[in-house]
């Protein structure tokens, strides 16, 4: 597999962090815009269609906003998983209280 310019960002730790950060920022902005669109569409349709029908029409935007918010959270979790599984030397340099321990319970109490 050759390293082309489009995928070059994924070959370094800093590139993965930047990619996940940009994805998180973009999906968070999308979630805010979709939630605002839901409120505006519902407010516009309410006098024309009534409360229930306006909710049924605009509900899909609310659903998309919730999933965009989840995508934002999962983008951050993807970078944390990258640190945990592919860069243990970086993950191990965290202060002791912020480190996650993945050993057995007996090893935990020996520290």
N, C-alpha and C. Protein backbone atom coordinates (compact mmCIF):
# COMPACT_ATOMS: atom_id res chain seq x y z
N UNK A 1 0.85 -1.18 0.00
CA UNK A 1 0.00 0.00 0.00
C UNK A 1 0.90 1.24 0.00
N UNK A 2 0.66 2.14 -0.89
CA UNK A 2 1.48 3.34 -0.98
C UNK A 2 0.89 4.46 -0.15
N UNK A 3 1.77 5.34 0.31
CA UNK A 3 1.33 6.47 1.13
C UNK A 3 1.11 7.67 0.21
N UNK A 4 -0.13 7.99 -0.07
CA UNK A 4 -0.42 9.15 -0.90
C UNK A 4 -0.74 10.35 -0.01
N UNK A 5 -0.89 11.50 -0.62
CA UNK A 5 -1.11 12.74 0.14
C UNK A 5 -2.43 12.73 0.91
N UNK A 6 -3.46 12.10 0.37
CA UNK A 6 -4.76 12.10 1.03
C UNK A 6 -4.78 11.31 2.33
N UNK A 7 -4.01 10.24 2.41
CA UNK A 7 -4.00 9.39 3.59
C UNK A 7 -2.78 9.62 4.47
N UNK A 8 -1.96 10.59 4.15
CA UNK A 8 -0.73 10.81 4.90
C UNK A 8 -1.01 11.21 6.34
N UNK A 9 -2.16 11.78 6.62
CA UNK A 9 -2.48 12.24 7.96
C UNK A 9 -2.63 11.07 8.93
N UNK A 10 -2.96 9.90 8.45
CA UNK A 10 -3.22 8.76 9.33
C UNK A 10 -1.98 7.97 9.70
N UNK A 11 -0.79 8.37 9.26
CA UNK A 11 0.41 7.59 9.53
C UNK A 11 1.21 8.10 10.72
N UNK A 12 0.76 9.14 11.40
CA UNK A 12 1.46 9.64 12.57
C UNK A 12 0.45 9.83 13.70
N UNK A 13 0.96 9.82 14.92
CA UNK A 13 0.08 10.03 16.07
C UNK A 13 -0.55 11.41 16.06
N UNK A 14 0.25 12.41 15.67
CA UNK A 14 -0.27 13.78 15.60
C UNK A 14 -1.32 13.90 14.50
N UNK A 15 -1.14 13.16 13.42
CA UNK A 15 -2.12 13.18 12.34
C UNK A 15 -3.45 12.57 12.75
N UNK A 16 -3.37 11.47 13.49
CA UNK A 16 -4.60 10.84 13.98
C UNK A 16 -5.31 11.77 14.96
N UNK A 17 -4.54 12.42 15.82
CA UNK A 17 -5.14 13.35 16.79
C UNK A 17 -5.82 14.51 16.07
N UNK A 18 -5.14 15.06 15.05
CA UNK A 18 -5.71 16.18 14.31
C UNK A 18 -6.98 15.75 13.58
N UNK A 19 -6.94 14.57 12.96
CA UNK A 19 -8.10 14.08 12.22
C UNK A 19 -9.30 13.88 13.16
N UNK A 20 -9.06 13.24 14.31
CA UNK A 20 -10.15 13.00 15.26
C UNK A 20 -10.67 14.31 15.84
N UNK A 21 -9.77 15.26 16.08
CA UNK A 21 -10.18 16.55 16.61
C UNK A 21 -11.04 17.31 15.60
N UNK A 22 -10.62 17.29 14.34
CA UNK A 22 -11.40 17.98 13.31
C UNK A 22 -12.75 17.31 13.09
N UNK A 23 -12.78 15.98 13.14
CA UNK A 23 -14.05 15.26 12.99
C UNK A 23 -14.97 15.58 14.16
N UNK A 24 -14.41 15.67 15.36
CA UNK A 24 -15.21 15.99 16.55
C UNK A 24 -15.78 17.40 16.45
N UNK A 25 -14.95 18.34 16.03
CA UNK A 25 -15.41 19.72 15.90
C UNK A 25 -16.50 19.85 14.84
N UNK A 26 -16.29 19.18 13.70
CA UNK A 26 -17.27 19.27 12.61
C UNK A 26 -18.60 18.62 12.99
N UNK A 27 -18.55 17.46 13.63
CA UNK A 27 -19.80 16.80 13.99
C UNK A 27 -20.52 17.53 15.12
N UNK A 28 -19.75 18.19 15.99
CA UNK A 28 -20.40 18.98 17.03
C UNK A 28 -21.12 20.19 16.43
N UNK A 29 -20.48 20.84 15.47
CA UNK A 29 -21.12 21.97 14.79
C UNK A 29 -22.36 21.51 14.02
N UNK A 30 -22.26 20.33 13.40
CA UNK A 30 -23.43 19.79 12.70
C UNK A 30 -24.57 19.50 13.67
N UNK A 31 -24.24 18.97 14.84
CA UNK A 31 -25.28 18.68 15.82
C UNK A 31 -25.99 19.95 16.26
N UNK A 32 -25.23 21.02 16.46
CA UNK A 32 -25.83 22.29 16.87
C UNK A 32 -26.72 22.84 15.76
N UNK A 33 -26.24 22.79 14.52
CA UNK A 33 -27.03 23.29 13.39
C UNK A 33 -28.30 22.47 13.17
N UNK A 34 -28.20 21.16 13.30
CA UNK A 34 -29.38 20.32 13.11
C UNK A 34 -30.41 20.53 14.21
N UNK A 35 -29.94 20.70 15.44
CA UNK A 35 -30.89 20.95 16.54
C UNK A 35 -31.58 22.30 16.36
N UNK A 36 -30.83 23.28 15.91
CA UNK A 36 -31.43 24.60 15.65
C UNK A 36 -32.42 24.52 14.49
N UNK A 37 -32.08 23.75 13.46
CA UNK A 37 -32.99 23.55 12.34
C UNK A 37 -34.28 22.86 12.76
N UNK A 38 -34.16 21.90 13.67
CA UNK A 38 -35.35 21.23 14.20
C UNK A 38 -36.27 22.22 14.89
N UNK A 39 -35.69 23.06 15.74
CA UNK A 39 -36.52 24.04 16.47
C UNK A 39 -37.17 25.04 15.52
N UNK A 40 -36.41 25.51 14.54
CA UNK A 40 -36.95 26.50 13.59
C UNK A 40 -38.05 25.90 12.71
N UNK A 41 -37.82 24.69 12.21
CA UNK A 41 -38.82 24.05 11.35
C UNK A 41 -40.10 23.77 12.13
N UNK A 42 -39.94 23.33 13.36
CA UNK A 42 -41.10 23.04 14.19
C UNK A 42 -41.88 24.32 14.51
N UNK A 43 -41.14 25.39 14.80
CA UNK A 43 -41.78 26.67 15.09
C UNK A 43 -42.52 27.20 13.85
N UNK A 44 -41.95 26.98 12.67
CA UNK A 44 -42.57 27.45 11.43
C UNK A 44 -43.81 26.63 11.07
N UNK A 45 -43.74 25.32 11.26
CA UNK A 45 -44.85 24.46 10.84
C UNK A 45 -45.98 24.37 11.86
N UNK A 46 -45.72 24.74 13.10
CA UNK A 46 -46.72 24.58 14.15
C UNK A 46 -48.03 25.33 13.86
N UNK A 47 -48.01 26.59 13.42
CA UNK A 47 -49.29 27.26 13.12
C UNK A 47 -50.01 26.65 11.92
N UNK A 48 -49.24 26.06 10.99
CA UNK A 48 -49.86 25.50 9.78
C UNK A 48 -50.41 24.10 9.99
N UNK A 49 -49.64 23.25 10.67
CA UNK A 49 -50.00 21.84 10.77
C UNK A 49 -50.48 21.40 12.16
N UNK A 50 -50.22 22.20 13.16
CA UNK A 50 -50.55 21.79 14.52
C UNK A 50 -49.32 21.22 15.21
N UNK A 51 -49.46 21.02 16.53
CA UNK A 51 -48.32 20.61 17.34
C UNK A 51 -47.79 19.23 16.95
N UNK A 52 -48.68 18.25 16.85
CA UNK A 52 -48.25 16.87 16.61
C UNK A 52 -47.68 16.67 15.22
N UNK A 53 -48.32 17.20 14.21
CA UNK A 53 -47.84 17.01 12.84
C UNK A 53 -46.53 17.76 12.60
N UNK A 54 -46.37 18.92 13.22
CA UNK A 54 -45.11 19.64 13.05
C UNK A 54 -43.96 18.87 13.72
N UNK A 55 -44.25 18.23 14.85
CA UNK A 55 -43.25 17.41 15.51
C UNK A 55 -42.87 16.21 14.66
N UNK A 56 -43.86 15.57 14.04
CA UNK A 56 -43.58 14.40 13.20
C UNK A 56 -42.75 14.76 11.98
N UNK A 57 -42.96 15.94 11.44
CA UNK A 57 -42.19 16.37 10.27
C UNK A 57 -40.76 16.72 10.66
N UNK A 58 -40.59 17.42 11.76
CA UNK A 58 -39.27 17.91 12.14
C UNK A 58 -38.47 16.91 12.97
N UNK A 59 -39.08 15.81 13.38
CA UNK A 59 -38.43 14.86 14.27
C UNK A 59 -37.15 14.28 13.69
N UNK A 60 -37.09 14.10 12.38
CA UNK A 60 -35.90 13.51 11.76
C UNK A 60 -34.67 14.40 11.94
N UNK A 61 -34.86 15.71 11.96
CA UNK A 61 -33.73 16.60 12.22
C UNK A 61 -33.23 16.45 13.65
N UNK A 62 -34.14 16.27 14.58
CA UNK A 62 -33.73 16.06 15.97
C UNK A 62 -32.97 14.75 16.11
N UNK A 63 -33.44 13.73 15.44
CA UNK A 63 -32.79 12.42 15.45
C UNK A 63 -31.38 12.53 14.87
N UNK A 64 -31.24 13.26 13.77
CA UNK A 64 -29.92 13.45 13.16
C UNK A 64 -29.00 14.26 14.07
N UNK A 65 -29.54 15.23 14.79
CA UNK A 65 -28.74 16.03 15.72
C UNK A 65 -28.21 15.17 16.86
N UNK A 66 -29.04 14.27 17.37
CA UNK A 66 -28.58 13.39 18.45
C UNK A 66 -27.47 12.47 17.98
N UNK A 67 -27.59 11.96 16.77
CA UNK A 67 -26.55 11.08 16.24
C UNK A 67 -25.27 11.83 15.90
N UNK A 68 -25.38 13.07 15.47
CA UNK A 68 -24.19 13.87 15.24
C UNK A 68 -23.46 14.15 16.56
N UNK A 69 -24.22 14.34 17.62
CA UNK A 69 -23.61 14.53 18.95
C UNK A 69 -22.87 13.27 19.38
N UNK A 70 -23.46 12.12 19.11
CA UNK A 70 -22.80 10.86 19.43
C UNK A 70 -21.55 10.66 18.58
N UNK A 71 -21.61 11.08 17.32
CA UNK A 71 -20.43 10.98 16.45
C UNK A 71 -19.30 11.83 16.99
N UNK A 72 -19.62 12.98 17.54
CA UNK A 72 -18.61 13.84 18.14
C UNK A 72 -17.93 13.12 19.31
N UNK A 73 -18.71 12.49 20.16
CA UNK A 73 -18.15 11.77 21.30
C UNK A 73 -17.31 10.58 20.85
N UNK A 74 -17.76 9.87 19.83
CA UNK A 74 -17.02 8.71 19.37
C UNK A 74 -15.72 9.09 18.65
N UNK A 75 -15.67 10.27 18.09
CA UNK A 75 -14.41 10.73 17.49
C UNK A 75 -13.35 10.91 18.56
N UNK A 76 -13.73 11.47 19.67
CA UNK A 76 -12.79 11.60 20.78
C UNK A 76 -12.40 10.25 21.35
N UNK A 77 -13.36 9.35 21.43
CA UNK A 77 -13.08 8.01 21.95
C UNK A 77 -12.15 7.24 21.01
N UNK A 78 -12.22 7.51 19.72
CA UNK A 78 -11.33 6.84 18.77
C UNK A 78 -9.89 7.22 19.02
N UNK A 79 -9.63 8.48 19.33
CA UNK A 79 -8.26 8.90 19.60
C UNK A 79 -7.76 8.31 20.92
N UNK A 80 -8.61 8.25 21.92
CA UNK A 80 -8.23 7.64 23.19
C UNK A 80 -7.92 6.16 22.98
N UNK A 81 -8.69 5.48 22.16
CA UNK A 81 -8.43 4.08 21.86
C UNK A 81 -7.11 3.93 21.12
N UNK A 82 -6.82 4.85 20.22
CA UNK A 82 -5.54 4.82 19.51
C UNK A 82 -4.39 4.94 20.50
N UNK A 83 -4.51 5.86 21.45
CA UNK A 83 -3.46 6.01 22.46
C UNK A 83 -3.30 4.75 23.30
N UNK A 84 -4.41 4.17 23.66
CA UNK A 84 -4.38 3.01 24.54
C UNK A 84 -3.77 1.79 23.85
N UNK A 85 -4.12 1.57 22.58
CA UNK A 85 -3.72 0.34 21.92
C UNK A 85 -2.47 0.45 21.06
N UNK A 86 -2.16 1.63 20.54
CA UNK A 86 -1.05 1.74 19.61
C UNK A 86 0.09 2.60 20.10
N UNK A 87 -0.11 3.37 21.16
CA UNK A 87 0.98 4.18 21.68
C UNK A 87 1.01 4.07 23.20
N UNK A 88 1.32 2.89 23.73
CA UNK A 88 1.32 2.76 25.19
C UNK A 88 2.39 3.60 25.86
N UNK A 89 3.46 3.93 25.14
CA UNK A 89 4.49 4.77 25.75
C UNK A 89 3.98 6.19 25.98
N UNK A 90 3.11 6.68 25.12
CA UNK A 90 2.52 7.99 25.31
C UNK A 90 1.45 7.92 26.40
N UNK A 91 0.63 6.85 26.35
CA UNK A 91 -0.44 6.70 27.33
C UNK A 91 0.13 6.47 28.73
N UNK A 92 1.27 5.81 28.81
CA UNK A 92 1.88 5.52 30.09
C UNK A 92 2.49 6.73 30.76
N UNK A 93 2.71 7.82 30.04
CA UNK A 93 3.30 9.01 30.61
C UNK A 93 2.30 9.92 31.30
N UNK A 94 1.05 9.53 31.34
CA UNK A 94 0.05 10.33 32.04
C UNK A 94 0.29 10.25 33.55
N UNK A 95 -0.12 11.25 34.29
CA UNK A 95 -0.01 11.18 35.75
C UNK A 95 -0.74 9.95 36.29
N UNK A 96 -0.31 9.46 37.42
CA UNK A 96 -0.79 8.19 37.94
C UNK A 96 -2.31 8.15 38.12
N UNK A 97 -2.91 9.22 38.54
CA UNK A 97 -4.36 9.23 38.77
C UNK A 97 -5.17 9.18 37.50
N UNK A 98 -4.61 9.58 36.37
CA UNK A 98 -5.36 9.62 35.11
C UNK A 98 -5.10 8.41 34.24
N UNK A 99 -4.23 7.52 34.68
CA UNK A 99 -3.87 6.35 33.91
C UNK A 99 -4.90 5.25 34.12
N UNK A 100 -5.23 4.52 33.09
CA UNK A 100 -6.12 3.37 33.25
C UNK A 100 -5.27 2.13 33.36
N UNK A 101 -5.63 1.28 34.28
CA UNK A 101 -4.84 0.09 34.52
C UNK A 101 -5.54 -1.11 33.91
N UNK A 102 -4.82 -1.91 33.12
CA UNK A 102 -5.44 -3.01 32.40
C UNK A 102 -4.92 -4.37 32.86
N UNK A 103 -4.42 -4.47 34.08
CA UNK A 103 -3.90 -5.74 34.58
C UNK A 103 -4.91 -6.45 35.45
N UNK A 104 -4.44 -7.49 36.12
CA UNK A 104 -5.34 -8.21 37.02
C UNK A 104 -5.47 -7.43 38.33
N UNK A 105 -6.44 -7.78 39.15
CA UNK A 105 -6.67 -7.08 40.41
C UNK A 105 -5.52 -7.28 41.37
N UNK A 106 -4.90 -8.46 41.36
CA UNK A 106 -3.80 -8.70 42.29
C UNK A 106 -2.60 -7.81 41.93
N UNK A 107 -2.37 -7.60 40.65
CA UNK A 107 -1.29 -6.71 40.24
C UNK A 107 -1.60 -5.28 40.65
N UNK A 108 -2.86 -4.92 40.64
CA UNK A 108 -3.25 -3.57 40.99
C UNK A 108 -2.90 -3.26 42.45
N UNK A 109 -3.15 -4.24 43.34
CA UNK A 109 -2.92 -3.99 44.75
C UNK A 109 -1.46 -4.12 45.14
N UNK A 110 -0.59 -4.64 44.28
CA UNK A 110 0.84 -4.74 44.57
C UNK A 110 1.55 -3.41 44.41
N UNK A 111 0.93 -2.46 43.70
CA UNK A 111 1.60 -1.18 43.45
C UNK A 111 1.79 -0.40 44.69
